[in-house]
Amino acid sequence: MNPDAVVTAARAFLGTPYRHQAATIGAGCDCLGLLRGVWRALYGSEPMAVPPYRADLRDPLNAGALRVAAEALLLVEHGTLGTGQVVLFRLAGHEPKHCGILISPTRFIHAQERLGVVEANLTEAWARRVAGRFRFPGCLAED
């Protein structure tokens, strides 16, 4: 699979409103829902049951939910930032609480509360918060 297929699937979600635990183009999704929706576009089926998690980023319960989800999705850890990769972000504390999909080494798509699914710059502030880099199974890494 080509990383551009991941980017195309992620871009289909642009403009989708933010909805906690949802994963439907045009109707709503959150950051994990974006990953689930892209997975469905790439592989044709729902990748996993939605794990329990709250919208409150300060909630200590289920703190490792995103890393567990990455493992459940069989995402392959990859050290270099590249097109089509899933990135996990620390927003508060040590565990990642947010994720997105890189469309280039300097831009990413993510679901943000009050904004919905948007394309954004991977600024220095975002880059400092990167807590994991993964590629989808069978997706050839760009080197």
N, C-alpha and C. Protein backbone atom coordinates (compact mmCIF):
# COMPACT_ATOMS: atom_id res chain seq x y z
N MET A 1 0.85 -1.19 0.00
CA MET A 1 0.00 0.00 0.00
C MET A 1 0.89 1.24 0.00
N ASN A 2 0.43 2.24 -0.68
CA ASN A 2 1.14 3.50 -0.84
C ASN A 2 0.70 4.48 0.26
N PRO A 3 1.64 5.24 0.86
CA PRO A 3 1.25 6.25 1.86
C PRO A 3 0.23 7.26 1.34
N ASP A 4 0.22 7.50 0.02
CA ASP A 4 -0.76 8.44 -0.54
C ASP A 4 -2.19 7.94 -0.38
N ALA A 5 -2.40 6.62 -0.33
CA ALA A 5 -3.74 6.07 -0.10
C ALA A 5 -4.22 6.44 1.30
N VAL A 6 -3.31 6.45 2.26
CA VAL A 6 -3.65 6.85 3.63
C VAL A 6 -4.05 8.32 3.65
N VAL A 7 -3.27 9.16 2.97
CA VAL A 7 -3.55 10.59 2.92
C VAL A 7 -4.90 10.85 2.26
N THR A 8 -5.19 10.17 1.15
CA THR A 8 -6.47 10.34 0.46
C THR A 8 -7.63 9.96 1.37
N ALA A 9 -7.49 8.84 2.09
CA ALA A 9 -8.55 8.41 3.01
C ALA A 9 -8.73 9.41 4.15
N ALA A 10 -7.64 9.95 4.66
CA ALA A 10 -7.74 10.94 5.75
C ALA A 10 -8.36 12.24 5.25
N ARG A 11 -7.98 12.67 4.06
CA ARG A 11 -8.53 13.92 3.52
C ARG A 11 -10.03 13.84 3.28
N ALA A 12 -10.56 12.65 3.07
CA ALA A 12 -12.00 12.49 2.88
C ALA A 12 -12.77 12.94 4.13
N PHE A 13 -12.12 12.94 5.29
CA PHE A 13 -12.75 13.34 6.55
C PHE A 13 -12.71 14.84 6.78
N LEU A 14 -11.94 15.60 6.00
CA LEU A 14 -11.84 17.05 6.23
C LEU A 14 -13.22 17.68 6.26
N GLY A 15 -13.44 18.53 7.26
CA GLY A 15 -14.71 19.20 7.42
C GLY A 15 -15.73 18.42 8.24
N THR A 16 -15.44 17.17 8.57
CA THR A 16 -16.34 16.38 9.41
C THR A 16 -16.36 16.99 10.81
N PRO A 17 -17.54 17.19 11.39
CA PRO A 17 -17.60 17.78 12.73
C PRO A 17 -17.02 16.84 13.80
N TYR A 18 -16.55 17.45 14.88
CA TYR A 18 -16.03 16.68 16.01
C TYR A 18 -17.19 16.04 16.77
N ARG A 19 -17.13 14.74 16.97
CA ARG A 19 -18.09 14.01 17.79
C ARG A 19 -17.31 12.94 18.54
N HIS A 20 -17.35 13.02 19.86
CA HIS A 20 -16.63 12.08 20.71
C HIS A 20 -17.04 10.64 20.39
N GLN A 21 -16.07 9.78 20.15
CA GLN A 21 -16.18 8.35 19.88
C GLN A 21 -16.86 8.00 18.56
N ALA A 22 -17.10 8.97 17.70
CA ALA A 22 -17.70 8.69 16.39
C ALA A 22 -16.61 8.49 15.34
N ALA A 23 -16.99 7.93 14.18
CA ALA A 23 -16.02 7.64 13.13
C ALA A 23 -16.69 7.60 11.76
N THR A 24 -17.49 8.62 11.43
CA THR A 24 -18.24 8.62 10.18
C THR A 24 -18.00 9.91 9.40
N ILE A 25 -17.55 9.78 8.17
CA ILE A 25 -17.31 10.93 7.30
C ILE A 25 -18.57 11.78 7.23
N GLY A 26 -18.41 13.07 7.43
CA GLY A 26 -19.50 14.01 7.31
C GLY A 26 -20.42 14.11 8.51
N ALA A 27 -20.53 13.02 9.29
CA ALA A 27 -21.43 13.02 10.44
C ALA A 27 -20.70 13.35 11.73
N GLY A 28 -19.48 12.85 11.90
CA GLY A 28 -18.72 13.16 13.10
C GLY A 28 -17.64 12.14 13.39
N CYS A 29 -16.57 12.62 14.00
CA CYS A 29 -15.51 11.74 14.48
C CYS A 29 -14.64 12.50 15.46
N ASP A 30 -13.91 11.73 16.25
CA ASP A 30 -12.87 12.29 17.11
C ASP A 30 -11.54 11.78 16.56
N CYS A 31 -10.45 12.01 17.27
CA CYS A 31 -9.14 11.65 16.71
C CYS A 31 -9.00 10.14 16.49
N LEU A 32 -9.45 9.33 17.45
CA LEU A 32 -9.39 7.88 17.26
C LEU A 32 -10.38 7.45 16.18
N GLY A 33 -11.51 8.11 16.10
CA GLY A 33 -12.47 7.83 15.05
C GLY A 33 -11.90 8.08 13.66
N LEU A 34 -11.06 9.10 13.53
CA LEU A 34 -10.38 9.36 12.26
C LEU A 34 -9.53 8.16 11.87
N LEU A 35 -8.77 7.62 12.82
CA LEU A 35 -7.94 6.44 12.52
C LEU A 35 -8.81 5.24 12.15
N ARG A 36 -9.90 5.04 12.90
CA ARG A 36 -10.81 3.93 12.60
C ARG A 36 -11.42 4.08 11.21
N GLY A 37 -11.82 5.31 10.86
CA GLY A 37 -12.42 5.55 9.55
C GLY A 37 -11.44 5.35 8.42
N VAL A 38 -10.21 5.80 8.61
CA VAL A 38 -9.17 5.59 7.58
C VAL A 38 -8.89 4.09 7.45
N TRP A 39 -8.84 3.38 8.57
CA TRP A 39 -8.64 1.93 8.53
C TRP A 39 -9.73 1.27 7.67
N ARG A 40 -11.00 1.65 7.91
CA ARG A 40 -12.10 1.07 7.14
C ARG A 40 -11.92 1.36 5.65
N ALA A 41 -11.51 2.58 5.32
CA ALA A 41 -11.31 2.93 3.91
C ALA A 41 -10.20 2.10 3.28
N LEU A 42 -9.17 1.80 4.04
CA LEU A 42 -8.02 1.06 3.52
C LEU A 42 -8.24 -0.45 3.48
N TYR A 43 -8.90 -0.98 4.52
CA TYR A 43 -8.98 -2.43 4.69
C TYR A 43 -10.40 -2.98 4.61
N GLY A 44 -11.43 -2.13 4.62
CA GLY A 44 -12.78 -2.57 4.38
C GLY A 44 -13.61 -3.01 5.56
N SER A 45 -13.07 -3.01 6.76
CA SER A 45 -13.87 -3.44 7.91
C SER A 45 -13.52 -2.60 9.13
N GLU A 46 -14.39 -2.66 10.13
CA GLU A 46 -14.14 -1.94 11.38
C GLU A 46 -12.96 -2.62 12.08
N PRO A 47 -11.95 -1.86 12.46
CA PRO A 47 -10.74 -2.48 13.00
C PRO A 47 -10.86 -2.97 14.43
N MET A 48 -11.79 -2.41 15.20
CA MET A 48 -11.81 -2.73 16.62
C MET A 48 -13.09 -2.19 17.25
N ALA A 49 -13.41 -2.74 18.40
CA ALA A 49 -14.49 -2.15 19.19
C ALA A 49 -13.93 -0.87 19.79
N VAL A 50 -14.78 0.12 19.94
CA VAL A 50 -14.32 1.40 20.49
C VAL A 50 -13.95 1.18 21.96
N PRO A 51 -12.69 1.46 22.31
CA PRO A 51 -12.30 1.29 23.71
C PRO A 51 -12.95 2.39 24.57
N PRO A 52 -13.13 2.13 25.86
CA PRO A 52 -13.72 3.17 26.71
C PRO A 52 -12.71 4.31 26.93
N TYR A 53 -13.15 5.51 26.68
CA TYR A 53 -12.33 6.68 26.99
C TYR A 53 -13.23 7.88 27.08
N ARG A 54 -12.81 8.81 27.91
CA ARG A 54 -13.59 10.03 28.10
C ARG A 54 -12.99 11.15 27.28
N ALA A 55 -13.78 12.15 27.00
CA ALA A 55 -13.31 13.30 26.22
C ALA A 55 -12.38 14.19 27.03
N ASP A 56 -12.45 14.14 28.34
CA ASP A 56 -11.64 15.00 29.21
C ASP A 56 -10.18 14.56 29.17
N LEU A 57 -9.31 15.42 28.63
CA LEU A 57 -7.89 15.07 28.51
C LEU A 57 -7.19 14.93 29.85
N ARG A 58 -7.77 15.52 30.89
CA ARG A 58 -7.15 15.42 32.21
C ARG A 58 -7.56 14.16 32.94
N ASP A 59 -8.49 13.40 32.38
CA ASP A 59 -8.97 12.19 33.02
C ASP A 59 -7.86 11.14 33.06
N PRO A 60 -7.46 10.69 34.26
CA PRO A 60 -6.37 9.71 34.35
C PRO A 60 -6.82 8.29 33.98
N LEU A 61 -8.12 8.04 33.98
CA LEU A 61 -8.60 6.71 33.60
C LEU A 61 -8.33 6.47 32.11
N ASN A 62 -7.97 5.26 31.80
CA ASN A 62 -7.69 4.87 30.40
C ASN A 62 -6.61 5.74 29.76
N ALA A 63 -5.61 6.12 30.56
CA ALA A 63 -4.56 7.02 30.09
C ALA A 63 -3.80 6.45 28.89
N GLY A 64 -3.66 5.14 28.80
CA GLY A 64 -2.91 4.54 27.70
C GLY A 64 -3.78 4.06 26.56
N ALA A 65 -5.03 4.56 26.47
CA ALA A 65 -5.99 4.06 25.48
C ALA A 65 -5.48 4.21 24.04
N LEU A 66 -4.83 5.31 23.72
CA LEU A 66 -4.36 5.49 22.34
C LEU A 66 -3.25 4.52 21.99
N ARG A 67 -2.33 4.30 22.89
CA ARG A 67 -1.25 3.34 22.61
C ARG A 67 -1.83 1.92 22.49
N VAL A 68 -2.79 1.58 23.34
CA VAL A 68 -3.45 0.27 23.27
C VAL A 68 -4.18 0.15 21.92
N ALA A 69 -4.84 1.22 21.50
CA ALA A 69 -5.54 1.21 20.20
C ALA A 69 -4.54 1.01 19.07
N ALA A 70 -3.40 1.67 19.12
CA ALA A 70 -2.37 1.51 18.08
C ALA A 70 -1.93 0.05 18.01
N GLU A 71 -1.76 -0.59 19.16
CA GLU A 71 -1.38 -1.99 19.18
C GLU A 71 -2.50 -2.88 18.66
N ALA A 72 -3.75 -2.56 19.02
CA ALA A 72 -4.90 -3.34 18.55
C ALA A 72 -5.06 -3.23 17.03
N LEU A 73 -4.72 -2.08 16.49
CA LEU A 73 -4.82 -1.87 15.05
C LEU A 73 -3.63 -2.46 14.29
N LEU A 74 -2.70 -3.06 15.04
CA LEU A 74 -1.50 -3.65 14.46
C LEU A 74 -0.68 -2.63 13.68
N LEU A 75 -0.72 -1.39 14.16
CA LEU A 75 0.11 -0.37 13.54
C LEU A 75 1.58 -0.70 13.81
N VAL A 76 2.43 -0.39 12.87
CA VAL A 76 3.85 -0.72 12.95
C VAL A 76 4.62 0.51 13.40
N GLU A 77 5.31 0.41 14.54
CA GLU A 77 6.05 1.57 15.04
C GLU A 77 7.15 1.91 14.04
N HIS A 78 7.30 3.21 13.80
CA HIS A 78 8.26 3.69 12.80
C HIS A 78 8.87 4.98 13.31
N GLY A 79 10.17 5.08 13.33
CA GLY A 79 10.86 6.18 13.99
C GLY A 79 10.91 7.51 13.28
N THR A 80 10.82 7.55 11.97
CA THR A 80 10.97 8.79 11.23
C THR A 80 9.61 9.31 10.80
N LEU A 81 9.39 10.62 10.93
CA LEU A 81 8.13 11.21 10.49
C LEU A 81 8.02 11.14 8.97
N GLY A 82 6.88 10.63 8.47
CA GLY A 82 6.70 10.52 7.04
C GLY A 82 5.23 10.49 6.65
N THR A 83 4.99 10.74 5.39
CA THR A 83 3.65 10.79 4.84
C THR A 83 2.87 9.51 5.13
N GLY A 84 1.61 9.68 5.56
CA GLY A 84 0.74 8.55 5.81
C GLY A 84 0.88 7.92 7.18
N GLN A 85 1.76 8.44 8.00
CA GLN A 85 1.94 7.87 9.33
C GLN A 85 0.93 8.38 10.33
N VAL A 86 0.64 7.54 11.31
CA VAL A 86 -0.16 7.92 12.47
C VAL A 86 0.81 8.48 13.51
N VAL A 87 0.48 9.63 14.06
CA VAL A 87 1.30 10.20 15.13
C VAL A 87 0.45 10.32 16.39
N LEU A 88 1.03 9.95 17.51
CA LEU A 88 0.39 10.11 18.81
C LEU A 88 1.00 11.32 19.49
N PHE A 89 0.17 12.11 20.16
CA PHE A 89 0.63 13.33 20.82
C PHE A 89 0.32 13.31 22.31
N ARG A 90 1.28 13.76 23.10
CA ARG A 90 1.04 14.03 24.52
C ARG A 90 0.49 15.44 24.62
N LEU A 91 -0.66 15.60 25.23
CA LEU A 91 -1.21 16.94 25.43
C LEU A 91 -1.08 17.37 26.89
N ALA A 92 -1.18 16.43 27.77
CA ALA A 92 -1.04 16.68 29.20
C ALA A 92 -0.54 15.38 29.81
N GLY A 93 0.50 15.44 30.59
CA GLY A 93 1.05 14.22 31.19
C GLY A 93 1.96 13.47 30.25
N HIS A 94 2.18 12.20 30.58
CA HIS A 94 3.16 11.40 29.84
C HIS A 94 2.54 10.51 28.77
N GLU A 95 1.28 10.15 28.93
CA GLU A 95 0.63 9.26 27.97
C GLU A 95 0.02 10.07 26.82
N PRO A 96 0.07 9.54 25.59
CA PRO A 96 -0.58 10.23 24.47
C PRO A 96 -2.09 10.30 24.67
N LYS A 97 -2.65 11.45 24.34
CA LYS A 97 -4.09 11.66 24.47
C LYS A 97 -4.72 12.17 23.17
N HIS A 98 -3.92 12.26 22.11
CA HIS A 98 -4.41 12.78 20.84
C HIS A 98 -3.63 12.11 19.72
N CYS A 99 -4.25 12.02 18.53
CA CYS A 99 -3.55 11.43 17.40
C CYS A 99 -3.99 12.11 16.11
N GLY A 100 -3.19 11.90 15.10
CA GLY A 100 -3.48 12.45 13.78
C GLY A 100 -2.75 11.63 12.73
N ILE A 101 -2.89 12.04 11.47
CA ILE A 101 -2.26 11.36 10.35
C ILE A 101 -1.45 12.38 9.57
N LEU A 102 -0.16 12.07 9.38
CA LEU A 102 0.72 12.97 8.63
C LEU A 102 0.39 12.93 7.15
N ILE A 103 0.27 14.10 6.55
CA ILE A 103 0.09 14.16 5.10
C ILE A 103 1.39 14.58 4.43
N SER A 104 2.34 15.00 5.25
CA SER A 104 3.71 15.29 4.84
C SER A 104 4.50 15.35 6.15
N PRO A 105 5.81 15.43 6.10
CA PRO A 105 6.55 15.54 7.36
C PRO A 105 6.25 16.83 8.13
N THR A 106 5.56 17.80 7.50
CA THR A 106 5.30 19.07 8.18
C THR A 106 3.82 19.42 8.33
N ARG A 107 2.92 18.53 7.87
CA ARG A 107 1.48 18.79 7.98
C ARG A 107 0.76 17.51 8.39
N PHE A 108 -0.37 17.69 9.09
CA PHE A 108 -1.14 16.53 9.53
C PHE A 108 -2.63 16.85 9.56
N ILE A 109 -3.43 15.79 9.60
CA ILE A 109 -4.88 15.89 9.71
C ILE A 109 -5.26 15.31 11.05
N HIS A 110 -6.15 16.01 11.76
CA HIS A 110 -6.62 15.51 13.05
C HIS A 110 -8.01 16.06 13.33
N ALA A 111 -8.70 15.43 14.27
CA ALA A 111 -10.03 15.88 14.71
C ALA A 111 -9.84 16.69 15.98
N GLN A 112 -10.27 17.94 15.92
CA GLN A 112 -10.08 18.84 17.05
C GLN A 112 -11.44 19.34 17.52
N GLU A 113 -11.64 19.27 18.83
CA GLU A 113 -12.89 19.73 19.42
C GLU A 113 -13.17 21.16 18.97
N ARG A 114 -14.40 21.47 18.67
CA ARG A 114 -14.91 22.76 18.20
C ARG A 114 -14.50 23.09 16.75
N LEU A 115 -13.53 22.41 16.18
CA LEU A 115 -13.13 22.67 14.80
C LEU A 115 -13.50 21.54 13.85
N GLY A 116 -13.58 20.33 14.36
CA GLY A 116 -13.81 19.17 13.51
C GLY A 116 -12.50 18.67 12.94
N VAL A 117 -12.59 17.98 11.81
CA VAL A 117 -11.40 17.41 11.19
C VAL A 117 -10.76 18.49 10.31
N VAL A 118 -9.52 18.79 10.62
CA VAL A 118 -8.79 19.87 9.95
C VAL A 118 -7.39 19.42 9.56
N GLU A 119 -6.83 20.14 8.62
CA GLU A 119 -5.44 19.96 8.23
C GLU A 119 -4.65 21.08 8.90
N ALA A 120 -3.51 20.73 9.51
CA ALA A 120 -2.75 21.71 10.28
C ALA A 120 -1.25 21.54 10.04
N ASN A 121 -0.51 22.58 10.37
CA ASN A 121 0.95 22.50 10.32
C ASN A 121 1.46 21.72 11.52
N LEU A 122 2.46 20.89 11.31
CA LEU A 122 3.14 20.22 12.41
C LEU A 122 4.19 21.21 12.91
N THR A 123 3.72 22.15 13.71
CA THR A 123 4.59 23.19 14.23
C THR A 123 5.57 22.60 15.24
N GLU A 124 6.51 23.41 15.66
CA GLU A 124 7.47 22.97 16.66
C GLU A 124 6.76 22.53 17.94
N ALA A 125 5.71 23.27 18.33
CA ALA A 125 4.96 22.92 19.54
C ALA A 125 4.30 21.54 19.39
N TRP A 126 3.71 21.24 18.23
CA TRP A 126 3.14 19.91 18.02
C TRP A 126 4.24 18.86 17.97
N ALA A 127 5.32 19.14 17.26
CA ALA A 127 6.42 18.17 17.11
C ALA A 127 7.01 17.78 18.47
N ARG A 128 7.08 18.71 19.40
CA ARG A 128 7.60 18.39 20.74
C ARG A 128 6.68 17.42 21.49
N ARG A 129 5.43 17.38 21.11
CA ARG A 129 4.46 16.52 21.80
C ARG A 129 4.32 15.13 21.18
N VAL A 130 5.03 14.87 20.08
CA VAL A 130 4.92 13.55 19.43
C VAL A 130 5.42 12.48 20.40
N ALA A 131 4.56 11.48 20.64
CA ALA A 131 4.87 10.41 21.58
C ALA A 131 4.92 9.04 20.90
N GLY A 132 4.65 9.00 19.61
CA GLY A 132 4.70 7.75 18.88
C GLY A 132 4.47 8.00 17.40
N ARG A 133 5.13 7.20 16.58
CA ARG A 133 5.00 7.29 15.13
C ARG A 133 4.77 5.88 14.60
N PHE A 134 3.70 5.70 13.83
CA PHE A 134 3.33 4.37 13.35
C PHE A 134 2.93 4.44 11.88
N ARG A 135 3.03 3.30 11.20
CA ARG A 135 2.46 3.21 9.86
C ARG A 135 1.41 2.11 9.86
N PHE A 136 0.48 2.21 8.93
CA PHE A 136 -0.54 1.20 8.79
C PHE A 136 0.10 -0.09 8.26
N PRO A 137 -0.42 -1.27 8.62
CA PRO A 137 0.13 -2.54 8.12
C PRO A 137 0.14 -2.57 6.61
N GLY A 138 1.26 -3.00 6.05
CA GLY A 138 1.39 -3.10 4.60
C GLY A 138 1.65 -1.80 3.89
N CYS A 139 1.74 -0.71 4.63
CA CYS A 139 2.01 0.60 4.03
C CYS A 139 3.52 0.77 3.92
N LEU A 140 4.00 0.92 2.72
CA LEU A 140 5.42 1.08 2.52
C LEU A 140 5.88 2.42 3.09
N ALA A 141 6.94 2.36 3.89
CA ALA A 141 7.47 3.59 4.49
C ALA A 141 8.18 4.39 3.43
N GLU A 142 8.02 5.70 3.52
CA GLU A 142 8.80 6.59 2.64
C GLU A 142 10.13 6.88 3.30
N ASP A 143 11.18 6.64 2.59
CA ASP A 143 12.53 6.91 3.15
C ASP A 143 13.21 8.03 2.42
